[in-house]
Amino acid sequence: MSDFTKNREDYKQKKSKDRFLSLCNTKIKTTMIGAISDIENMLGNFLEDEPELFERLRSSILDRGNAQIRSLEKDIADYDIGYKYNNLHTIILPVKRKE
């Protein structure tokens, strides 16, 4: 395998891992914010009387979620990840000979 091919494969693998980690990050954060939003919507009247309780609850949810994100980052570092490109990402260029 040439150096160019190896470098290209290493680059693609790094980009795939970064993409996967970014997707996981977004999903975990969406779950955390969704949980906080649901609590506000369902317990809004109660929480108005107990603002410090809500802040503790909110901090607890965010701390756990962020700890899981950091843990996931460490776990993903141990794997080789490759993105399967479909035909939408494939470009075929015709090659014509000069005459």
Protein backbone atom coordinates (compact mmCIF):
# COMPACT_ATOMS: atom_id res chain seq x y z
CA MET A 1 0.00 0.00 0.00
CA SER A 2 1.43 3.39 -0.95
CA ASP A 3 1.94 6.18 1.58
CA PHE A 4 -0.73 8.23 -0.18
CA THR A 5 -3.29 5.42 0.11
CA LYS A 6 -2.43 4.78 3.75
CA ASN A 7 -2.66 8.49 4.59
CA ARG A 8 -6.00 8.73 2.79
CA GLU A 9 -7.36 5.69 4.67
CA ASP A 10 -6.11 7.08 8.01
CA TYR A 11 -7.76 10.41 7.23
CA LYS A 12 -11.06 8.76 6.28
CA GLN A 13 -10.98 6.67 9.45
CA LYS A 14 -10.34 9.73 11.63
CA LYS A 15 -13.13 11.67 9.90
CA SER A 16 -15.48 8.69 10.33
CA LYS A 17 -14.68 8.45 14.04
CA ASP A 18 -15.14 12.20 14.49
CA ARG A 19 -18.46 12.09 12.61
CA PHE A 20 -19.73 9.17 14.72
CA LEU A 21 -18.69 10.87 17.96
CA SER A 22 -20.40 14.09 16.88
CA LEU A 23 -23.63 12.21 16.10
CA CYS A 24 -23.53 10.44 19.48
CA ASN A 25 -22.81 13.72 21.24
CA THR A 26 -25.81 15.37 19.62
CA LYS A 27 -28.13 12.48 20.50
CA ILE A 28 -27.08 12.44 24.16
CA LYS A 29 -27.41 16.22 24.48
CA THR A 30 -30.83 16.11 22.80
CA THR A 31 -31.93 13.49 25.33
CA MET A 32 -30.69 15.58 28.26
CA ILE A 33 -32.35 18.79 27.07
CA GLY A 34 -35.55 16.89 26.21
CA ALA A 35 -35.69 15.45 29.74
CA ILE A 36 -35.24 18.90 31.27
CA SER A 37 -37.91 20.33 28.96
CA ASP A 38 -40.37 17.57 29.88
CA ILE A 39 -39.79 18.21 33.58
CA GLU A 40 -40.43 21.93 33.09
CA ASN A 41 -43.60 21.26 31.08
CA MET A 42 -45.05 18.63 33.40
CA LEU A 43 -44.00 20.08 36.75
CA GLY A 44 -43.89 23.77 35.87
CA ASN A 45 -46.26 24.99 38.58
CA PHE A 46 -44.56 22.94 41.28
CA LEU A 47 -41.10 24.06 40.16
CA GLU A 48 -42.02 27.74 40.36
CA ASP A 49 -42.35 27.27 44.12
CA GLU A 50 -39.10 25.25 44.34
CA PRO A 51 -36.54 26.91 42.03
CA GLU A 52 -33.50 25.49 43.85
CA LEU A 53 -34.93 21.96 43.51
CA PHE A 54 -35.23 22.43 39.75
CA GLU A 55 -31.66 23.76 39.51
CA ARG A 56 -30.34 20.72 41.41
CA LEU A 57 -32.35 18.39 39.19
CA ARG A 58 -31.20 20.17 36.03
CA SER A 59 -27.55 20.09 37.14
CA SER A 60 -27.83 16.40 37.98
CA ILE A 61 -29.21 15.55 34.52
CA LEU A 62 -26.57 17.62 32.72
CA ASP A 63 -23.71 16.29 34.86
CA ARG A 64 -24.71 12.67 34.21
CA GLY A 65 -25.15 13.29 30.50
CA ASN A 66 -21.80 15.05 30.18
CA ALA A 67 -20.11 12.24 32.13
CA GLN A 68 -21.60 9.75 29.67
CA ILE A 69 -20.33 11.81 26.72
CA ARG A 70 -16.80 11.81 28.17
CA SER A 71 -17.03 8.07 28.81
CA LEU A 72 -18.23 7.49 25.25
CA GLU A 73 -15.32 9.51 23.87
CA LYS A 74 -12.88 7.26 25.75
CA ASP A 75 -14.68 4.09 24.58
CA ILE A 76 -14.78 5.18 20.94
CA ALA A 77 -11.03 5.88 21.01
CA ASP A 78 -10.50 2.10 21.36
CA TYR A 79 -12.29 1.29 18.09
CA ASP A 80 -11.59 1.60 14.40
CA ILE A 81 -14.65 3.15 12.83
CA GLY A 82 -15.40 3.45 9.13
CA TYR A 83 -18.28 5.22 7.45
CA LYS A 84 -19.98 3.25 4.70
CA TYR A 85 -20.34 5.65 1.83
CA ASN A 86 -23.31 4.99 -0.38
CA ASN A 87 -23.60 5.71 -4.08
CA LEU A 88 -24.71 9.28 -3.39
CA HIS A 89 -21.19 10.07 -2.27
CA THR A 90 -19.46 8.37 -5.19
CA ILE A 91 -18.30 10.46 -8.10
CA ILE A 92 -17.14 8.77 -11.28
CA LEU A 93 -15.16 10.97 -13.62
CA PRO A 94 -14.70 9.89 -17.20
CA VAL A 95 -11.14 9.79 -18.47
CA LYS A 96 -10.49 10.70 -22.09
CA ARG A 97 -7.24 10.18 -23.91
CA LYS A 98 -5.64 13.13 -25.62
CA GLU A 99 -5.26 12.66 -29.32
